[in-house]
Amino acid sequence: MRLDTDDFCFACGRSNPHGLRLDGFRLEGDSYAFDWTPEPHFQGWPRIVHGGIITTVLDEAVTRLLWEQGIAALTAEISVRFLRPLPVNTGTRVQARMTDQRGRLIHAEAAISDADGEYARARVTMLRVEHA
Protein backbone atom coordinates (compact mmCIF):
# COMPACT_ATOMS: atom_id res chain seq x y z
CA MET A 1 0.00 0.00 0.00
CA ARG A 2 1.23 3.48 -0.86
CA LEU A 3 0.29 6.53 1.17
CA ASP A 4 0.17 9.96 -0.47
CA THR A 5 -0.90 13.33 0.90
CA ASP A 6 -3.16 15.95 -0.68
CA ASP A 7 -3.62 18.55 2.11
CA PHE A 8 -7.26 17.46 2.60
CA CYS A 9 -6.70 15.54 5.84
CA PHE A 10 -9.60 16.13 8.25
CA ALA A 11 -7.17 16.72 11.12
CA CYS A 12 -4.37 18.82 9.60
CA GLY A 13 -5.27 19.62 6.00
CA ARG A 14 -5.40 23.31 5.16
CA SER A 15 -7.58 22.57 2.10
CA ASN A 16 -10.38 20.91 4.09
CA PRO A 17 -12.95 23.59 4.99
CA HIS A 18 -14.67 21.26 7.50
CA GLY A 19 -11.54 19.94 9.21
CA LEU A 20 -9.70 20.71 12.43
CA ARG A 21 -6.79 22.40 10.59
CA LEU A 22 -4.33 21.49 13.34
CA ASP A 23 -0.95 23.18 13.06
CA GLY A 24 2.01 24.39 15.08
CA PHE A 25 3.48 20.89 15.36
CA ARG A 26 6.94 20.75 16.94
CA LEU A 27 9.42 18.17 18.11
CA GLU A 28 10.37 18.43 21.78
CA GLY A 29 13.00 15.85 22.64
CA ASP A 30 11.48 12.42 22.08
CA SER A 31 7.91 13.76 21.90
CA TYR A 32 5.85 15.75 19.45
CA ALA A 33 3.63 18.59 20.63
CA PHE A 34 1.23 21.27 19.48
CA ASP A 35 -1.24 23.67 21.06
CA TRP A 36 -4.95 23.25 20.39
CA THR A 37 -7.98 25.30 21.37
CA PRO A 38 -11.15 23.42 20.33
CA GLU A 39 -13.81 25.62 18.79
CA PRO A 40 -17.51 25.44 19.77
CA HIS A 41 -18.55 23.69 16.54
CA PHE A 42 -16.63 20.61 17.80
CA GLN A 43 -18.86 20.16 20.82
CA GLY A 44 -20.97 17.11 21.66
CA TRP A 45 -22.77 17.98 24.88
CA PRO A 46 -23.25 21.74 25.37
CA ARG A 47 -19.85 23.44 25.74
CA ILE A 48 -18.00 20.07 25.92
CA VAL A 49 -15.75 18.82 23.08
CA HIS A 50 -17.05 15.65 21.39
CA GLY A 51 -15.07 12.53 22.32
CA GLY A 52 -14.64 11.60 18.65
CA ILE A 53 -12.90 14.91 18.00
CA ILE A 54 -10.63 14.36 21.00
CA THR A 55 -9.78 10.89 19.69
CA THR A 56 -9.01 12.33 16.26
CA VAL A 57 -6.63 14.90 17.76
CA LEU A 58 -4.79 12.23 19.77
CA ASP A 59 -4.55 10.03 16.68
CA GLU A 60 -3.19 12.92 14.60
CA ALA A 61 -0.52 13.69 17.20
CA VAL A 62 0.86 10.16 16.89
CA THR A 63 0.55 10.12 13.10
CA ARG A 64 2.43 13.42 12.78
CA LEU A 65 5.13 12.29 15.21
CA LEU A 66 5.85 9.31 12.98
CA TRP A 67 5.55 11.33 9.75
CA GLU A 68 8.18 13.78 11.04
CA GLN A 69 10.48 10.79 11.52
CA GLY A 70 9.91 9.67 7.93
CA ILE A 71 7.50 6.89 8.92
CA ALA A 72 4.14 6.63 7.18
CA ALA A 73 1.70 4.65 9.30
CA LEU A 74 -2.02 4.06 9.67
CA THR A 75 -3.84 3.56 12.94
CA ALA A 76 -4.38 -0.13 13.69
CA GLU A 77 -5.83 0.38 17.17
CA ILE A 78 -6.48 3.28 19.52
CA SER A 79 -7.66 3.17 23.10
CA VAL A 80 -8.65 6.47 24.69
CA ARG A 81 -9.14 7.17 28.37
CA PHE A 82 -11.26 10.28 28.99
CA LEU A 83 -10.26 11.73 32.35
CA ARG A 84 -12.44 14.84 32.56
CA PRO A 85 -14.66 16.84 30.19
CA LEU A 86 -12.82 19.22 27.87
CA PRO A 87 -14.70 22.54 27.58
CA VAL A 88 -14.70 24.25 24.19
CA ASN A 89 -12.42 27.28 23.84
CA THR A 90 -9.93 25.79 26.32
CA GLY A 91 -6.25 26.18 25.44
CA THR A 92 -4.58 22.78 25.58
CA ARG A 93 -1.30 21.13 24.78
CA VAL A 94 -1.24 17.87 22.84
CA GLN A 95 1.78 15.57 23.11
CA ALA A 96 2.70 12.21 21.58
CA ARG A 97 5.65 9.88 21.94
CA MET A 98 6.66 6.53 20.51
CA THR A 99 6.99 3.75 23.10
CA ASP A 100 7.94 0.64 21.09
CA GLN A 101 8.54 -0.72 17.57
CA ARG A 102 8.20 -4.33 16.48
CA GLY A 103 8.35 -5.06 12.79
CA ARG A 104 5.64 -3.04 11.06
CA LEU A 105 3.83 -2.28 14.35
CA ILE A 106 4.62 0.92 16.23
CA HIS A 107 3.25 1.66 19.69
CA ALA A 108 2.78 5.20 20.98
CA GLU A 109 1.05 7.30 23.62
CA ALA A 110 -0.62 10.70 23.35
CA ALA A 111 -2.30 13.09 25.78
CA ILE A 112 -4.28 16.33 25.83
CA SER A 113 -3.69 18.50 28.88
CA ASP A 114 -3.52 21.98 30.34
CA ALA A 115 -1.94 23.43 33.48
CA ASP A 116 -4.54 21.62 35.64
CA GLY A 117 -3.76 18.15 34.24
CA GLU A 118 -4.86 15.72 31.54
CA TYR A 119 -8.23 15.66 29.79
CA ALA A 120 -7.60 12.47 27.81
CA ARG A 121 -4.82 10.06 26.93
CA ALA A 122 -4.46 7.35 24.33
CA ARG A 123 -2.49 4.23 23.63
CA VAL A 124 -2.06 3.75 19.91
CA THR A 125 -0.83 0.94 17.68
CA MET A 126 0.18 2.05 14.20
CA LEU A 127 0.88 -0.06 11.10
CA ARG A 128 3.82 1.08 8.95
CA VAL A 129 3.01 1.53 5.24
CA GLU A 130 4.94 2.71 2.18
CA HIS A 131 4.58 6.32 1.12
CA ALA A 132 5.44 8.36 -1.93
C-alpha atoms as a PDB file:
ATOM      1  CA  MET A   1       0.000   0.000   0.000  1.00  0.00           C
ATOM      2  CA  ARG A   2       1.235   3.483  -0.857  1.00  0.00           C
ATOM      3  CA  LEU A   3       0.287   6.532   1.166  1.00  0.00           C
ATOM      4  CA  ASP A   4       0.172   9.963  -0.473  1.00  0.00           C
ATOM      5  CA  THR A   5      -0.899  13.334   0.900  1.00  0.00           C
ATOM      6  CA  ASP A   6      -3.159  15.947  -0.681  1.00  0.00           C
ATOM      7  CA  ASP A   7      -3.622  18.551   2.106  1.00  0.00           C
ATOM      8  CA  PHE A   8      -7.256  17.456   2.597  1.00  0.00           C
ATOM      9  CA  CYS A   9      -6.699  15.538   5.840  1.00  0.00           C
ATOM     10  CA  PHE A  10      -9.600  16.125   8.250  1.00  0.00           C
ATOM     11  CA  ALA A  11      -7.165  16.716  11.119  1.00  0.00           C
ATOM     12  CA  CYS A  12      -4.366  18.822   9.600  1.00  0.00           C
ATOM     13  CA  GLY A  13      -5.274  19.618   5.996  1.00  0.00           C
ATOM     14  CA  ARG A  14      -5.395  23.308   5.164  1.00  0.00           C
ATOM     15  CA  SER A  15      -7.582  22.571   2.096  1.00  0.00           C
ATOM     16  CA  ASN A  16     -10.381  20.906   4.091  1.00  0.00           C
ATOM     17  CA  PRO A  17     -12.950  23.590   4.994  1.00  0.00           C
ATOM     18  CA  HIS A  18     -14.668  21.257   7.501  1.00  0.00           C
ATOM     19  CA  GLY A  19     -11.545  19.945   9.212  1.00  0.00           C
ATOM     20  CA  LEU A  20      -9.696  20.707  12.426  1.00  0.00           C
ATOM     21  CA  ARG A  21      -6.791  22.399  10.593  1.00  0.00           C
ATOM     22  CA  LEU A  22      -4.332  21.488  13.337  1.00  0.00           C
ATOM     23  CA  ASP A  23      -0.951  23.177  13.056  1.00  0.00           C
ATOM     24  CA  GLY A  24       2.008  24.388  15.076  1.00  0.00           C
ATOM     25  CA  PHE A  25       3.476  20.892  15.360  1.00  0.00           C
ATOM     26  CA  ARG A  26       6.944  20.753  16.935  1.00  0.00           C
ATOM     27  CA  LEU A  27       9.424  18.169  18.108  1.00  0.00           C
ATOM     28  CA  GLU A  28      10.374  18.429  21.780  1.00  0.00           C
ATOM     29  CA  GLY A  29      12.997  15.852  22.640  1.00  0.00           C
ATOM     30  CA  ASP A  30      11.480  12.422  22.080  1.00  0.00           C
ATOM     31  CA  SER A  31       7.914  13.758  21.899  1.00  0.00           C
ATOM     32  CA  TYR A  32       5.848  15.749  19.450  1.00  0.00           C
ATOM     33  CA  ALA A  33       3.629  18.591  20.625  1.00  0.00           C
ATOM     34  CA  PHE A  34       1.226  21.274  19.485  1.00  0.00           C
ATOM     35  CA  ASP A  35      -1.237  23.672  21.064  1.00  0.00           C
ATOM     36  CA  TRP A  36      -4.950  23.247  20.385  1.00  0.00           C
ATOM     37  CA  THR A  37      -7.979  25.301  21.366  1.00  0.00           C
ATOM     38  CA  PRO A  38     -11.151  23.425  20.335  1.00  0.00           C
ATOM     39  CA  GLU A  39     -13.813  25.620  18.792  1.00  0.00           C
ATOM     40  CA  PRO A  40     -17.507  25.442  19.766  1.00  0.00           C
ATOM     41  CA  HIS A  41     -18.551  23.692  16.544  1.00  0.00           C
ATOM     42  CA  PHE A  42     -16.626  20.607  17.798  1.00  0.00           C
ATOM     43  CA  GLN A  43     -18.863  20.159  20.824  1.00  0.00           C
ATOM     44  CA  GLY A  44     -20.970  17.107  21.661  1.00  0.00           C
ATOM     45  CA  TRP A  45     -22.772  17.979  24.883  1.00  0.00           C
ATOM     46  CA  PRO A  46     -23.248  21.735  25.372  1.00  0.00           C
ATOM     47  CA  ARG A  47     -19.849  23.444  25.739  1.00  0.00           C
ATOM     48  CA  ILE A  48     -18.003  20.072  25.921  1.00  0.00           C
ATOM     49  CA  VAL A  49     -15.750  18.821  23.076  1.00  0.00           C
ATOM     50  CA  HIS A  50     -17.053  15.652  21.394  1.00  0.00           C
ATOM     51  CA  GLY A  51     -15.068  12.529  22.316  1.00  0.00           C
ATOM     52  CA  GLY A  52     -14.637  11.603  18.655  1.00  0.00           C
ATOM     53  CA  ILE A  53     -12.903  14.914  17.995  1.00  0.00           C
ATOM     54  CA  ILE A  54     -10.632  14.364  21.005  1.00  0.00           C
ATOM     55  CA  THR A  55      -9.782  10.893  19.689  1.00  0.00           C
ATOM     56  CA  THR A  56      -9.009  12.333  16.258  1.00  0.00           C
ATOM     57  CA  VAL A  57      -6.635  14.904  17.758  1.00  0.00           C
ATOM     58  CA  LEU A  58      -4.790  12.232  19.773  1.00  0.00           C
ATOM     59  CA  ASP A  59      -4.552  10.029  16.679  1.00  0.00           C
ATOM     60  CA  GLU A  60      -3.188  12.916  14.601  1.00  0.00           C
ATOM     61  CA  ALA A  61      -0.525  13.693  17.203  1.00  0.00           C
ATOM     62  CA  VAL A  62       0.857  10.163  16.886  1.00  0.00           C
ATOM     63  CA  THR A  63       0.549  10.117  13.096  1.00  0.00           C
ATOM     64  CA  ARG A  64       2.429  13.420  12.782  1.00  0.00           C
ATOM     65  CA  LEU A  65       5.131  12.285  15.210  1.00  0.00           C
ATOM     66  CA  LEU A  66       5.853   9.314  12.975  1.00  0.00           C
ATOM     67  CA  TRP A  67       5.546  11.330   9.752  1.00  0.00           C
ATOM     68  CA  GLU A  68       8.185  13.781  11.036  1.00  0.00           C
ATOM     69  CA  GLN A  69      10.482  10.795  11.516  1.00  0.00           C
ATOM     70  CA  GLY A  70       9.910   9.673   7.932  1.00  0.00           C
ATOM     71  CA  ILE A  71       7.504   6.892   8.923  1.00  0.00           C
ATOM     72  CA  ALA A  72       4.143   6.627   7.180  1.00  0.00           C
ATOM     73  CA  ALA A  73       1.703   4.646   9.296  1.00  0.00           C
ATOM     74  CA  LEU A  74      -2.018   4.064   9.672  1.00  0.00           C
ATOM     75  CA  THR A  75      -3.838   3.561  12.935  1.00  0.00           C
ATOM     76  CA  ALA A  76      -4.384  -0.126  13.686  1.00  0.00           C
ATOM     77  CA  GLU A  77      -5.830   0.378  17.166  1.00  0.00           C
ATOM     78  CA  ILE A  78      -6.484   3.279  19.517  1.00  0.00           C
ATOM     79  CA  SER A  79      -7.662   3.171  23.095  1.00  0.00           C
ATOM     80  CA  VAL A  80      -8.655   6.472  24.692  1.00  0.00           C
ATOM     81  CA  ARG A  81      -9.143   7.168  28.369  1.00  0.00           C
ATOM     82  CA  PHE A  82     -11.257  10.283  28.986  1.00  0.00           C
ATOM     83  CA  LEU A  83     -10.258  11.726  32.351  1.00  0.00           C
ATOM     84  CA  ARG A  84     -12.444  14.843  32.564  1.00  0.00           C
ATOM     85  CA  PRO A  85     -14.664  16.837  30.186  1.00  0.00           C
ATOM     86  CA  LEU A  86     -12.824  19.219  27.869  1.00  0.00           C
ATOM     87  CA  PRO A  87     -14.697  22.535  27.584  1.00  0.00           C
ATOM     88  CA  VAL A  88     -14.704  24.247  24.185  1.00  0.00           C
ATOM     89  CA  ASN A  89     -12.423  27.278  23.839  1.00  0.00           C
ATOM     90  CA  THR A  90      -9.930  25.790  26.323  1.00  0.00           C
ATOM     91  CA  GLY A  91      -6.254  26.185  25.445  1.00  0.00           C
ATOM     92  CA  THR A  92      -4.582  22.779  25.581  1.00  0.00           C
ATOM     93  CA  ARG A  93      -1.298  21.131  24.778  1.00  0.00           C
ATOM     94  CA  VAL A  94      -1.241  17.865  22.842  1.00  0.00           C
ATOM     95  CA  GLN A  95       1.780  15.568  23.106  1.00  0.00           C
ATOM     96  CA  ALA A  96       2.704  12.212  21.580  1.00  0.00           C
ATOM     97  CA  ARG A  97       5.655   9.881  21.940  1.00  0.00           C
ATOM     98  CA  MET A  98       6.659   6.527  20.515  1.00  0.00           C
ATOM     99  CA  THR A  99       6.989   3.745  23.102  1.00  0.00           C
ATOM    100  CA  ASP A 100       7.940   0.644  21.085  1.00  0.00           C
ATOM    101  CA  GLN A 101       8.544  -0.718  17.568  1.00  0.00           C
ATOM    102  CA  ARG A 102       8.203  -4.335  16.482  1.00  0.00           C
ATOM    103  CA  GLY A 103       8.353  -5.060  12.790  1.00  0.00           C
ATOM    104  CA  ARG A 104       5.638  -3.038  11.065  1.00  0.00           C
ATOM    105  CA  LEU A 105       3.835  -2.276  14.346  1.00  0.00           C
ATOM    106  CA  ILE A 106       4.619   0.916  16.230  1.00  0.00           C
ATOM    107  CA  HIS A 107       3.248   1.664  19.688  1.00  0.00           C
ATOM    108  CA  ALA A 108       2.781   5.198  20.983  1.00  0.00           C
ATOM    109  CA  GLU A 109       1.050   7.299  23.616  1.00  0.00           C
ATOM    110  CA  ALA A 110      -0.617  10.696  23.345  1.00  0.00           C
ATOM    111  CA  ALA A 111      -2.297  13.088  25.781  1.00  0.00           C
ATOM    112  CA  ILE A 112      -4.275  16.330  25.833  1.00  0.00           C
ATOM    113  CA  SER A 113      -3.694  18.503  28.884  1.00  0.00           C
ATOM    114  CA  ASP A 114      -3.523  21.981  30.339  1.00  0.00           C
ATOM    115  CA  ALA A 115      -1.939  23.430  33.478  1.00  0.00           C
ATOM    116  CA  ASP A 116      -4.541  21.620  35.635  1.00  0.00           C
ATOM    117  CA  GLY A 117      -3.759  18.152  34.236  1.00  0.00           C
ATOM    118  CA  GLU A 118      -4.863  15.720  31.537  1.00  0.00           C
ATOM    119  CA  TYR A 119      -8.232  15.657  29.785  1.00  0.00           C
ATOM    120  CA  ALA A 120      -7.599  12.474  27.808  1.00  0.00           C
ATOM    121  CA  ARG A 121      -4.823  10.059  26.929  1.00  0.00           C
ATOM    122  CA  ALA A 122      -4.464   7.352  24.330  1.00  0.00           C
ATOM    123  CA  ARG A 123      -2.486   4.227  23.626  1.00  0.00           C
ATOM    124  CA  VAL A 124      -2.059   3.752  19.906  1.00  0.00           C
ATOM    125  CA  THR A 125      -0.826   0.939  17.680  1.00  0.00           C
ATOM    126  CA  MET A 126       0.181   2.048  14.198  1.00  0.00           C
ATOM    127  CA  LEU A 127       0.878  -0.056  11.100  1.00  0.00           C
ATOM    128  CA  ARG A 128       3.819   1.085   8.955  1.00  0.00           C
ATOM    129  CA  VAL A 129       3.010   1.528   5.238  1.00  0.00           C
ATOM    130  CA  GLU A 130       4.945   2.715   2.183  1.00  0.00           C
ATOM    131  CA  HIS A 131       4.577   6.324   1.116  1.00  0.00           C
ATOM    132  CA  ALA A 132       5.440   8.364  -1.933  1.00  0.00           C
END
